[in-house]
C-alpha cells in the first residue's frame, strides 16, 4: 500500500494531520488541478483523499482522469458544504470497480 495523502482546504488538511495523516496538501481554486496531478505522478502515493468541495475545483480534464485512475485510489469525502444524500460513496466505488452493489438485499 502506498502513502495516504489528503488534498483539500486548510481546515480539512489540518483535521487529517491531527488525526495522524502525515502528508496533506492544501488546494485552492488556482492550484487544485496542478496539486492533484503532482500527487498522481508520485509513485509513492497509494490513496488520495479529497473533499467534495475540492473536487468541485477541478477542471473537466482532471475529473475524467479521476474516473479512469486505477492507482492511486481517489476517495472523495463529504465537504463542509455537502448535504447528506444517503448514498454510500464507498459502496458506489466498489460497484464501479467490481460490479457488485453492496446495498442490494
PDB file of N, CA and C in Angstrom:
ATOM      1  N   UNK A   1       0.855  -1.181   0.000  1.00  0.00           N
ATOM      2  CA  UNK A   1       0.000   0.000   0.000  1.00  0.00           C
ATOM      3  C   UNK A   1       0.886   1.223   0.000  1.00  0.00           C
ATOM      4  N   UNK A   2       0.516   2.182  -0.782  1.00  0.00           N
ATOM      5  CA  UNK A   2       1.276   3.412  -0.862  1.00  0.00           C
ATOM      6  C   UNK A   2       0.891   4.387   0.233  1.00  0.00           C
ATOM      7  N   UNK A   3       1.435   5.530   0.112  1.00  0.00           N
ATOM      8  CA  UNK A   3       1.219   6.611   1.068  1.00  0.00           C
ATOM      9  C   UNK A   3      -0.200   7.176   0.948  1.00  0.00           C
ATOM     10  N   UNK A   4      -0.772   7.562   2.075  1.00  0.00           N
ATOM     11  CA  UNK A   4      -2.078   8.208   2.108  1.00  0.00           C
ATOM     12  C   UNK A   4      -1.860   9.708   2.125  1.00  0.00           C
ATOM     13  N   UNK A   5      -2.544  10.406   1.198  1.00  0.00           N
ATOM     14  CA  UNK A   5      -2.401  11.849   1.096  1.00  0.00           C
ATOM     15  C   UNK A   5      -3.787  12.483   1.097  1.00  0.00           C
ATOM     16  N   UNK A   6      -3.915  13.581   1.817  1.00  0.00           N
ATOM     17  CA  UNK A   6      -5.159  14.351   1.827  1.00  0.00           C
ATOM     18  C   UNK A   6      -4.945  15.599   0.986  1.00  0.00           C
ATOM     19  N   UNK A   7      -5.910  15.883   0.113  1.00  0.00           N
ATOM     20  CA  UNK A   7      -5.876  17.072  -0.719  1.00  0.00           C
ATOM     21  C   UNK A   7      -7.152  17.846  -0.435  1.00  0.00           C
ATOM     22  N   UNK A   8      -7.004  19.071   0.071  1.00  0.00           N
ATOM     23  CA  UNK A   8      -8.207  19.819   0.407  1.00  0.00           C
ATOM     24  C   UNK A   8      -7.924  21.215   0.902  1.00  0.00           C
ATOM     25  N   UNK A   9      -8.981  21.818   1.437  1.00  0.00           N
ATOM     26  CA  UNK A   9      -8.843  23.159   2.002  1.00  0.00           C
ATOM     27  C   UNK A   9      -8.051  23.071   3.312  1.00  0.00           C
ATOM     28  N   UNK A  10      -7.669  24.221   3.832  1.00  0.00           N
ATOM     29  CA  UNK A  10      -6.834  24.258   5.041  1.00  0.00           C
ATOM     30  C   UNK A  10      -7.441  23.520   6.226  1.00  0.00           C
ATOM     31  N   UNK A  11      -8.734  23.708   6.464  1.00  0.00           N
ATOM     32  CA  UNK A  11      -9.379  23.066   7.607  1.00  0.00           C
ATOM     33  C   UNK A  11      -9.365  21.545   7.479  1.00  0.00           C
ATOM     34  N   UNK A  12      -9.658  21.040   6.289  1.00  0.00           N
ATOM     35  CA  UNK A  12      -9.643  19.594   6.062  1.00  0.00           C
ATOM     36  C   UNK A  12      -8.245  19.038   6.269  1.00  0.00           C
ATOM     37  N   UNK A  13      -7.266  19.723   5.710  1.00  0.00           N
ATOM     38  CA  UNK A  13      -5.872  19.294   5.832  1.00  0.00           C
ATOM     39  C   UNK A  13      -5.444  19.259   7.299  1.00  0.00           C
ATOM     40  N   UNK A  14      -5.761  20.300   8.049  1.00  0.00           N
ATOM     41  CA  UNK A  14      -5.391  20.351   9.465  1.00  0.00           C
ATOM     42  C   UNK A  14      -6.061  19.224  10.232  1.00  0.00           C
ATOM     43  N   UNK A  15      -7.335  18.984   9.962  1.00  0.00           N
ATOM     44  CA  UNK A  15      -8.055  17.907  10.644  1.00  0.00           C
ATOM     45  C   UNK A  15      -7.419  16.554  10.418  1.00  0.00           C
ATOM     46  N   UNK A  16      -7.050  16.254   9.189  1.00  0.00           N
ATOM     47  CA  UNK A  16      -6.428  14.961   8.902  1.00  0.00           C
ATOM     48  C   UNK A  16      -5.022  14.870   9.478  1.00  0.00           C
ATOM     49  N   UNK A  17      -4.298  15.982   9.507  1.00  0.00           N
ATOM     50  CA  UNK A  17      -2.970  15.970  10.136  1.00  0.00           C
ATOM     51  C   UNK A  17      -3.098  15.673  11.627  1.00  0.00           C
ATOM     52  N   UNK A  18      -4.104  16.274  12.267  1.00  0.00           N
ATOM     53  CA  UNK A  18      -4.334  15.997  13.688  1.00  0.00           C
ATOM     54  C   UNK A  18      -4.718  14.543  13.916  1.00  0.00           C
ATOM     55  N   UNK A  19      -5.345  13.930  12.913  1.00  0.00           N
ATOM     56  CA  UNK A  19      -5.740  12.525  13.016  1.00  0.00           C
ATOM     57  C   UNK A  19      -4.583  11.573  12.691  1.00  0.00           C
ATOM     58  N   UNK A  20      -3.435  12.120  12.285  1.00  0.00           N
ATOM     59  CA  UNK A  20      -2.265  11.286  12.060  1.00  0.00           C
ATOM     60  C   UNK A  20      -1.827  11.101  10.621  1.00  0.00           C
ATOM     61  N   UNK A  21      -2.536  11.690   9.676  1.00  0.00           N
ATOM     62  CA  UNK A  21      -2.109  11.605   8.278  1.00  0.00           C
ATOM     63  C   UNK A  21      -0.877  12.489   8.121  1.00  0.00           C
ATOM     64  N   UNK A  22       0.197  11.903   7.629  1.00  0.00           N
ATOM     65  CA  UNK A  22       1.465  12.626   7.566  1.00  0.00           C
ATOM     66  C   UNK A  22       1.567  13.601   6.409  1.00  0.00           C
ATOM     67  N   UNK A  23       0.930  13.255   5.305  1.00  0.00           N
ATOM     68  CA  UNK A  23       1.080  14.100   4.110  1.00  0.00           C
ATOM     69  C   UNK A  23      -0.276  14.682   3.718  1.00  0.00           C
ATOM     70  N   UNK A  24      -0.354  15.972   3.705  1.00  0.00           N
ATOM     71  CA  UNK A  24      -1.587  16.678   3.350  1.00  0.00           C
ATOM     72  C   UNK A  24      -1.224  17.917   2.550  1.00  0.00           C
ATOM     73  N   UNK A  25      -1.996  18.161   1.506  1.00  0.00           N
ATOM     74  CA  UNK A  25      -1.703  19.247   0.584  1.00  0.00           C
ATOM     75  C   UNK A  25      -2.910  20.175   0.510  1.00  0.00           C
ATOM     76  N   UNK A  26      -2.665  21.464   0.684  1.00  0.00           N
ATOM     77  CA  UNK A  26      -3.732  22.461   0.586  1.00  0.00           C
ATOM     78  C   UNK A  26      -3.940  22.802  -0.887  1.00  0.00           C
ATOM     79  N   UNK A  27      -5.206  22.750  -1.305  1.00  0.00           N
ATOM     80  CA  UNK A  27      -5.559  23.097  -2.680  1.00  0.00           C
ATOM     81  C   UNK A  27      -6.569  24.236  -2.665  1.00  0.00           C
ATOM     82  N   UNK A  28      -6.484  25.067  -3.684  1.00  0.00           N
ATOM     83  CA  UNK A  28      -7.458  26.146  -3.828  1.00  0.00           C
ATOM     84  C   UNK A  28      -7.848  26.252  -5.301  1.00  0.00           C
ATOM     85  N   UNK A  29      -8.661  27.227  -5.621  1.00  0.00           N
ATOM     86  CA  UNK A  29      -9.173  27.374  -6.978  1.00  0.00           C
ATOM     87  C   UNK A  29      -8.074  27.496  -8.027  1.00  0.00           C
ATOM     88  N   UNK A  30      -6.989  28.140  -7.675  1.00  0.00           N
ATOM     89  CA  UNK A  30      -5.940  28.395  -8.666  1.00  0.00           C
ATOM     90  C   UNK A  30      -4.951  27.242  -8.837  1.00  0.00           C
ATOM     91  N   UNK A  31      -4.882  26.313  -7.868  1.00  0.00           N
ATOM     92  CA  UNK A  31      -3.865  25.257  -7.982  1.00  0.00           C
ATOM     93  C   UNK A  31      -4.382  23.833  -7.819  1.00  0.00           C
ATOM     94  N   UNK A  32      -5.686  23.631  -7.751  1.00  0.00           N
ATOM     95  CA  UNK A  32      -6.237  22.299  -7.464  1.00  0.00           C
ATOM     96  C   UNK A  32      -5.808  21.258  -8.501  1.00  0.00           C
ATOM     97  N   UNK A  33      -5.946  21.567  -9.778  1.00  0.00           N
ATOM     98  CA  UNK A  33      -5.552  20.612 -10.825  1.00  0.00           C
ATOM     99  C   UNK A  33      -4.065  20.287 -10.738  1.00  0.00           C
ATOM    100  N   UNK A  34      -3.252  21.321 -10.576  1.00  0.00           N
ATOM    101  CA  UNK A  34      -1.802  21.135 -10.513  1.00  0.00           C
ATOM    102  C   UNK A  34      -1.403  20.245  -9.328  1.00  0.00           C
ATOM    103  N   UNK A  35      -1.958  20.521  -8.158  1.00  0.00           N
ATOM    104  CA  UNK A  35      -1.624  19.732  -6.967  1.00  0.00           C
ATOM    105  C   UNK A  35      -2.065  18.281  -7.137  1.00  0.00           C
ATOM    106  N   UNK A  36      -3.265  18.075  -7.704  1.00  0.00           N
ATOM    107  CA  UNK A  36      -3.749  16.716  -7.927  1.00  0.00           C
ATOM    108  C   UNK A  36      -2.827  15.965  -8.886  1.00  0.00           C
ATOM    109  N   UNK A  37      -2.458  16.604  -9.993  1.00  0.00           N
ATOM    110  CA  UNK A  37      -1.592  15.956 -10.980  1.00  0.00           C
ATOM    111  C   UNK A  37      -0.222  15.616 -10.398  1.00  0.00           C
ATOM    112  N   UNK A  38       0.291  16.455  -9.515  1.00  0.00           N
ATOM    113  CA  UNK A  38       1.564  16.159  -8.843  1.00  0.00           C
ATOM    114  C   UNK A  38       1.438  14.897  -7.997  1.00  0.00           C
ATOM    115  N   UNK A  39       0.313  14.755  -7.290  1.00  0.00           N
ATOM    116  CA  UNK A  39       0.113  13.574  -6.453  1.00  0.00           C
ATOM    117  C   UNK A  39      -0.037  12.313  -7.291  1.00  0.00           C
ATOM    118  N   UNK A  40      -0.755  12.418  -8.402  1.00  0.00           N
ATOM    119  CA  UNK A  40      -0.947  11.261  -9.282  1.00  0.00           C
ATOM    120  C   UNK A  40       0.393  10.808  -9.867  1.00  0.00           C
ATOM    121  N   UNK A  41       1.270  11.744 -10.172  1.00  0.00           N
ATOM    122  CA  UNK A  41       2.573  11.426 -10.754  1.00  0.00           C
ATOM    123  C   UNK A  41       3.547  10.825  -9.740  1.00  0.00           C
ATOM    124  N   UNK A  42       3.263  10.979  -8.461  1.00  0.00           N
ATOM    125  CA  UNK A  42       4.150  10.475  -7.406  1.00  0.00           C
ATOM    126  C   UNK A  42       3.869   8.990  -7.172  1.00  0.00           C
ATOM    127  N   UNK A  43       4.817   8.142  -7.506  1.00  0.00           N
ATOM    128  CA  UNK A  43       4.628   6.689  -7.398  1.00  0.00           C
ATOM    129  C   UNK A  43       4.460   6.199  -5.959  1.00  0.00           C
ATOM    130  N   UNK A  44       4.828   7.014  -4.977  1.00  0.00           N
ATOM    131  CA  UNK A  44       4.676   6.622  -3.571  1.00  0.00           C
ATOM    132  C   UNK A  44       3.232   6.762  -3.084  1.00  0.00           C
ATOM    133  N   UNK A  45       2.405   7.531  -3.790  1.00  0.00           N
ATOM    134  CA  UNK A  45       1.033   7.794  -3.358  1.00  0.00           C
ATOM    135  C   UNK A  45       0.130   6.633  -3.745  1.00  0.00           C
ATOM    136  N   UNK A  46      -0.562   6.065  -2.746  1.00  0.00           N
ATOM    137  CA  UNK A  46      -1.481   4.960  -2.999  1.00  0.00           C
ATOM    138  C   UNK A  46      -2.937   5.350  -2.843  1.00  0.00           C
ATOM    139  N   UNK A  47      -3.208   6.390  -2.037  1.00  0.00           N
ATOM    140  CA  UNK A  47      -4.574   6.828  -1.780  1.00  0.00           C
ATOM    141  C   UNK A  47      -4.597   8.347  -1.656  1.00  0.00           C
ATOM    142  N   UNK A  48      -5.490   8.967  -2.416  1.00  0.00           N
ATOM    143  CA  UNK A  48      -5.707  10.404  -2.303  1.00  0.00           C
ATOM    144  C   UNK A  48      -7.109  10.604  -1.748  1.00  0.00           C
ATOM    145  N   UNK A  49      -7.196  11.271  -0.604  1.00  0.00           N
ATOM    146  CA  UNK A  49      -8.480  11.600  -0.004  1.00  0.00           C
ATOM    147  C   UNK A  49      -8.733  13.069  -0.288  1.00  0.00           C
ATOM    148  N   UNK A  50      -9.903  13.355  -0.880  1.00  0.00           N
ATOM    149  CA  UNK A  50     -10.237  14.748  -1.136  1.00  0.00           C
ATOM    150  C   UNK A  50     -11.705  14.993  -0.827  1.00  0.00           C
ATOM    151  N   UNK A  51     -11.993  16.216  -0.458  1.00  0.00           N
ATOM    152  CA  UNK A  51     -13.376  16.563  -0.133  1.00  0.00           C
ATOM    153  C   UNK A  51     -14.140  16.889  -1.411  1.00  0.00           C
ATOM    154  N   UNK A  52     -15.459  16.773  -1.337  1.00  0.00           N
ATOM    155  CA  UNK A  52     -16.290  17.131  -2.481  1.00  0.00           C
ATOM    156  C   UNK A  52     -16.084  18.593  -2.857  1.00  0.00           C
ATOM    157  N   UNK A  53     -15.847  19.431  -1.863  1.00  0.00           N
ATOM    158  CA  UNK A  53     -15.600  20.855  -2.136  1.00  0.00           C
ATOM    159  C   UNK A  53     -14.354  21.031  -3.002  1.00  0.00           C
ATOM    160  N   UNK A  54     -13.312  20.273  -2.727  1.00  0.00           N
ATOM    161  CA  UNK A  54     -12.083  20.349  -3.511  1.00  0.00           C
ATOM    162  C   UNK A  54     -12.308  19.774  -4.900  1.00  0.00           C
ATOM    163  N   UNK A  55     -13.044  18.677  -4.980  1.00  0.00           N
ATOM    164  CA  UNK A  55     -13.336  18.057  -6.276  1.00  0.00           C
ATOM    165  C   UNK A  55     -14.055  19.039  -7.209  1.00  0.00           C
ATOM    166  N   UNK A  56     -14.888  19.902  -6.657  1.00  0.00           N
ATOM    167  CA  UNK A  56     -15.618  20.885  -7.467  1.00  0.00           C
ATOM    168  C   UNK A  56     -14.679  21.911  -8.106  1.00  0.00           C
ATOM    169  N   UNK A  57     -13.454  22.020  -7.606  1.00  0.00           N
ATOM    170  CA  UNK A  57     -12.484  22.967  -8.151  1.00  0.00           C
ATOM    171  C   UNK A  57     -11.763  22.433  -9.385  1.00  0.00           C
ATOM    172  N   UNK A  58     -11.858  21.135  -9.636  1.00  0.00           N
ATOM    173  CA  UNK A  58     -11.124  20.513 -10.735  1.00  0.00           C
ATOM    174  C   UNK A  58     -11.728  20.833 -12.098  1.00  0.00           C
ATOM    175  N   UNK A  59     -10.857  20.854 -13.092  1.00  0.00           N
ATOM    176  CA  UNK A  59     -11.305  21.010 -14.480  1.00  0.00           C
ATOM    177  C   UNK A  59     -11.959  19.712 -14.942  1.00  0.00           C
ATOM    178  N   UNK A  60     -12.667  19.772 -16.054  1.00  0.00           N
ATOM    179  CA  UNK A  60     -13.292  18.571 -16.619  1.00  0.00           C
ATOM    180  C   UNK A  60     -12.232  17.529 -16.975  1.00  0.00           C
ATOM    181  N   UNK A  61     -11.082  17.972 -17.428  1.00  0.00           N
ATOM    182  CA  UNK A  61      -9.992  17.049 -17.776  1.00  0.00           C
ATOM    183  C   UNK A  61      -9.548  16.252 -16.550  1.00  0.00           C
ATOM    184  N   UNK A  62      -9.369  16.928 -15.429  1.00  0.00           N
ATOM    185  CA  UNK A  62      -8.950  16.251 -14.202  1.00  0.00           C
ATOM    186  C   UNK A  62     -10.037  15.301 -13.717  1.00  0.00           C
ATOM    187  N   UNK A  63     -11.291  15.702 -13.818  1.00  0.00           N
ATOM    188  CA  UNK A  63     -12.392  14.825 -13.406  1.00  0.00           C
ATOM    189  C   UNK A  63     -12.425  13.553 -14.250  1.00  0.00           C
ATOM    190  N   UNK A  64     -12.117  13.649 -15.538  1.00  0.00           N
ATOM    191  CA  UNK A  64     -12.064  12.464 -16.395  1.00  0.00           C
ATOM    192  C   UNK A  64     -10.906  11.554 -15.988  1.00  0.00           C
ATOM    193  N   UNK A  65      -9.785  12.147 -15.597  1.00  0.00           N
ATOM    194  CA  UNK A  65      -8.641  11.362 -15.126  1.00  0.00           C
ATOM    195  C   UNK A  65      -9.036  10.569 -13.880  1.00  0.00           C
ATOM    196  N   UNK A  66      -9.737  11.215 -12.962  1.00  0.00           N
ATOM    197  CA  UNK A  66     -10.164  10.544 -11.728  1.00  0.00           C
ATOM    198  C   UNK A  66     -11.030   9.331 -12.056  1.00  0.00           C
ATOM    199  N   UNK A  67     -11.916   9.465 -13.039  1.00  0.00           N
ATOM    200  CA  UNK A  67     -12.818   8.381 -13.418  1.00  0.00           C
ATOM    201  C   UNK A  67     -12.061   7.153 -13.921  1.00  0.00           C
ATOM    202  N   UNK A  68     -10.891   7.345 -14.518  1.00  0.00           N
ATOM    203  CA  UNK A  68     -10.177   6.237 -15.144  1.00  0.00           C
ATOM    204  C   UNK A  68      -8.981   5.721 -14.338  1.00  0.00           C
ATOM    205  N   UNK A  69      -8.628   6.412 -13.268  1.00  0.00           N
ATOM    206  CA  UNK A  69      -7.450   6.017 -12.488  1.00  0.00           C
ATOM    207  C   UNK A  69      -7.638   4.678 -11.787  1.00  0.00           C
ATOM    208  N   UNK A  70      -6.617   3.840 -11.865  1.00  0.00           N
ATOM    209  CA  UNK A  70      -6.595   2.618 -11.072  1.00  0.00           C
ATOM    210  C   UNK A  70      -5.716   2.835  -9.839  1.00  0.00           C
ATOM    211  N   UNK A  71      -4.639   3.565 -10.019  1.00  0.00           N
ATOM    212  CA  UNK A  71      -3.747   3.880  -8.906  1.00  0.00           C
ATOM    213  C   UNK A  71      -3.209   5.272  -9.129  1.00  0.00           C
ATOM    214  N   UNK A  72      -3.200   6.109  -8.169  1.00  0.00           N
ATOM    215  CA  UNK A  72      -3.698   5.890  -6.810  1.00  0.00           C
ATOM    216  C   UNK A  72      -5.231   5.884  -6.764  1.00  0.00           C
ATOM    217  N   UNK A  73      -5.726   5.292  -5.705  1.00  0.00           N
ATOM    218  CA  UNK A  73      -7.163   5.296  -5.460  1.00  0.00           C
ATOM    219  C   UNK A  73      -7.542   6.699  -4.989  1.00  0.00           C
ATOM    220  N   UNK A  74      -8.648   7.228  -5.515  1.00  0.00           N
ATOM    221  CA  UNK A  74      -9.116   8.551  -5.128  1.00  0.00           C
ATOM    222  C   UNK A  74     -10.431   8.376  -4.378  1.00  0.00           C
ATOM    223  N   UNK A  75     -10.440   8.796  -3.133  1.00  0.00           N
ATOM    224  CA  UNK A  75     -11.627   8.686  -2.289  1.00  0.00           C
ATOM    225  C   UNK A  75     -12.145  10.086  -1.994  1.00  0.00           C
ATOM    226  N   UNK A  76     -13.377  10.342  -2.401  1.00  0.00           N
ATOM    227  CA  UNK A  76     -13.994  11.636  -2.155  1.00  0.00           C
ATOM    228  C   UNK A  76     -14.851  11.545  -0.908  1.00  0.00           C
ATOM    229  N   UNK A  77     -14.628  12.468   0.014  1.00  0.00           N
ATOM    230  CA  UNK A  77     -15.393  12.509   1.259  1.00  0.00           C
ATOM    231  C   UNK A  77     -16.280  13.746   1.261  1.00  0.00           C
ATOM    232  N   UNK A  78     -17.335  13.749   2.053  1.00  0.00           N
ATOM    233  CA  UNK A  78     -18.182  14.946   2.121  1.00  0.00           C
ATOM    234  C   UNK A  78     -17.380  16.169   2.561  1.00  0.00           C
ATOM    235  N   UNK A  79     -17.736  17.305   1.995  1.00  0.00           N
ATOM    236  CA  UNK A  79     -17.082  18.555   2.352  1.00  0.00           C
ATOM    237  C   UNK A  79     -17.939  19.365   3.306  1.00  0.00           C
ATOM    238  N   UNK A  80     -17.468  20.553   3.606  1.00  0.00           N
ATOM    239  CA  UNK A  80     -18.199  21.435   4.525  1.00  0.00           C
ATOM    240  C   UNK A  80     -19.559  21.841   3.969  1.00  0.00           C
ATOM    241  N   UNK A  81     -19.654  21.966   2.664  1.00  0.00           N
ATOM    242  CA  UNK A  81     -20.906  22.426   2.058  1.00  0.00           C
ATOM    243  C   UNK A  81     -21.775  21.275   1.547  1.00  0.00           C
ATOM    244  N   UNK A  82     -21.356  20.037   1.803  1.00  0.00           N
ATOM    245  CA  UNK A  82     -22.084  18.871   1.306  1.00  0.00           C
ATOM    246  C   UNK A  82     -23.324  18.597   2.143  1.00  0.00           C
ATOM    247  N   UNK A  83     -24.427  18.375   1.458  1.00  0.00           N
ATOM    248  CA  UNK A  83     -25.655  17.992   2.142  1.00  0.00           C
ATOM    249  C   UNK A  83     -25.779  16.478   2.085  1.00  0.00           C
ATOM    250  N   UNK A  84     -26.202  15.831   3.177  1.00  0.00           N
ATOM    251  CA  UNK A  84     -26.328  14.374   3.182  1.00  0.00           C
ATOM    252  C   UNK A  84     -27.305  13.888   2.115  1.00  0.00           C
ATOM    253  N   UNK A  85     -26.909  12.808   1.405  1.00  0.00           N
ATOM    254  CA  UNK A  85     -27.757  12.257   0.352  1.00  0.00           C
ATOM    255  C   UNK A  85     -28.237  10.855   0.683  1.00  0.00           C
ATOM    256  N   UNK A  86     -27.639  10.232   1.672  1.00  0.00           N
ATOM    257  CA  UNK A  86     -27.990   8.855   1.987  1.00  0.00           C
ATOM    258  C   UNK A  86     -27.283   7.845   1.096  1.00  0.00           C
ATOM    259  N   UNK A  87     -26.416   8.327   0.206  1.00  0.00           N
ATOM    260  CA  UNK A  87     -25.679   7.449  -0.696  1.00  0.00           C
ATOM    261  C   UNK A  87     -24.311   7.170  -0.091  1.00  0.00           C
ATOM    262  N   UNK A  88     -23.921   5.903  -0.096  1.00  0.00           N
ATOM    263  CA  UNK A  88     -22.627   5.496   0.433  1.00  0.00           C
ATOM    264  C   UNK A  88     -21.588   5.585  -0.687  1.00  0.00           C
ATOM    265  N   UNK A  89     -20.671   6.575  -0.630  1.00  0.00           N
ATOM    266  CA  UNK A  89     -19.708   6.736  -1.731  1.00  0.00           C
ATOM    267  C   UNK A  89     -18.758   5.559  -1.878  1.00  0.00           C
ATOM    268  N   UNK A  90     -18.436   4.886  -0.787  1.00  0.00           N
ATOM    269  CA  UNK A  90     -17.544   3.733  -0.876  1.00  0.00           C
ATOM    270  C   UNK A  90     -18.254   2.588  -1.591  1.00  0.00           C
ATOM    271  N   UNK A  91     -19.534   2.383  -1.290  1.00  0.00           N
ATOM    272  CA  UNK A  91     -20.309   1.350  -1.984  1.00  0.00           C
ATOM    273  C   UNK A  91     -20.375   1.644  -3.480  1.00  0.00           C
ATOM    274  N   UNK A  92     -20.520   2.931  -3.843  1.00  0.00           N
ATOM    275  CA  UNK A  92     -20.535   3.296  -5.258  1.00  0.00           C
ATOM    276  C   UNK A  92     -19.197   2.992  -5.928  1.00  0.00           C
ATOM    277  N   UNK A  93     -18.098   3.260  -5.224  1.00  0.00           N
ATOM    278  CA  UNK A  93     -16.770   2.963  -5.771  1.00  0.00           C
ATOM    279  C   UNK A  93     -16.595   1.468  -6.000  1.00  0.00           C
ATOM    280  N   UNK A  94     -17.059   0.652  -5.043  1.00  0.00           N
ATOM    281  CA  UNK A  94     -16.936  -0.799  -5.175  1.00  0.00           C
ATOM    282  C   UNK A  94     -17.784  -1.292  -6.339  1.00  0.00           C
ATOM    283  N   UNK A  95     -18.994  -0.770  -6.449  1.00  0.00           N
ATOM    284  CA  UNK A  95     -19.874  -1.166  -7.561  1.00  0.00           C
ATOM    285  C   UNK A  95     -19.223  -0.827  -8.891  1.00  0.00           C
ATOM    286  N   UNK A  96     -18.626   0.344  -8.972  1.00  0.00           N
ATOM    287  CA  UNK A  96     -17.974   0.767 -10.210  1.00  0.00           C
ATOM    288  C   UNK A  96     -16.778  -0.131 -10.516  1.00  0.00           C
ATOM    289  N   UNK A  97     -16.016  -0.482  -9.475  1.00  0.00           N
ATOM    290  CA  UNK A  97     -14.786  -1.249  -9.682  1.00  0.00           C
ATOM    291  C   UNK A  97     -15.046  -2.720 -10.002  1.00  0.00           C
ATOM    292  N   UNK A  98     -15.972  -3.352  -9.272  1.00  0.00           N
ATOM    293  CA  UNK A  98     -16.159  -4.796  -9.451  1.00  0.00           C
ATOM    294  C   UNK A  98     -17.566  -5.210  -9.843  1.00  0.00           C
ATOM    295  N   UNK A  99     -18.469  -4.244  -9.927  1.00  0.00           N
ATOM    296  CA  UNK A  99     -19.818  -4.544 -10.379  1.00  0.00           C
ATOM    297  C   UNK A  99     -20.736  -5.143  -9.347  1.00  0.00           C
ATOM    298  N   UNK A 100     -20.378  -5.047  -8.074  1.00  0.00           N
ATOM    299  CA  UNK A 100     -21.211  -5.602  -7.005  1.00  0.00           C
ATOM    300  C   UNK A 100     -21.852  -4.465  -6.246  1.00  0.00           C
ATOM    301  N   UNK A 101     -23.188  -4.508  -6.102  1.00  0.00           N
ATOM    302  CA  UNK A 101     -23.916  -3.487  -5.366  1.00  0.00           C
ATOM    303  C   UNK A 101     -24.034  -3.928  -3.915  1.00  0.00           C
ATOM    304  N   UNK A 102     -23.341  -3.253  -3.015  1.00  0.00           N
ATOM    305  CA  UNK A 102     -23.340  -3.633  -1.601  1.00  0.00           C
ATOM    306  C   UNK A 102     -24.645  -3.310  -0.907  1.00  0.00           C
ATOM    307  N   UNK A 103     -25.474  -2.477  -1.521  1.00  0.00           N
ATOM    308  CA  UNK A 103     -26.734  -2.098  -0.908  1.00  0.00           C
ATOM    309  C   UNK A 103     -27.868  -3.047  -1.266  1.00  0.00           C
ATOM    310  N   UNK A 104     -27.608  -3.989  -2.173  1.00  0.00           N
ATOM    311  CA  UNK A 104     -28.656  -4.951  -2.548  1.00  0.00           C
ATOM    312  C   UNK A 104     -28.910  -5.931  -1.428  1.00  0.00           C
ATOM    313  N   UNK A 105     -30.164  -6.370  -1.338  1.00  0.00           N
ATOM    314  CA  UNK A 105     -30.502  -7.324  -0.269  1.00  0.00           C
ATOM    315  C   UNK A 105     -30.806  -8.672  -0.856  1.00  0.00           C
TER     316      UNK A 105
END
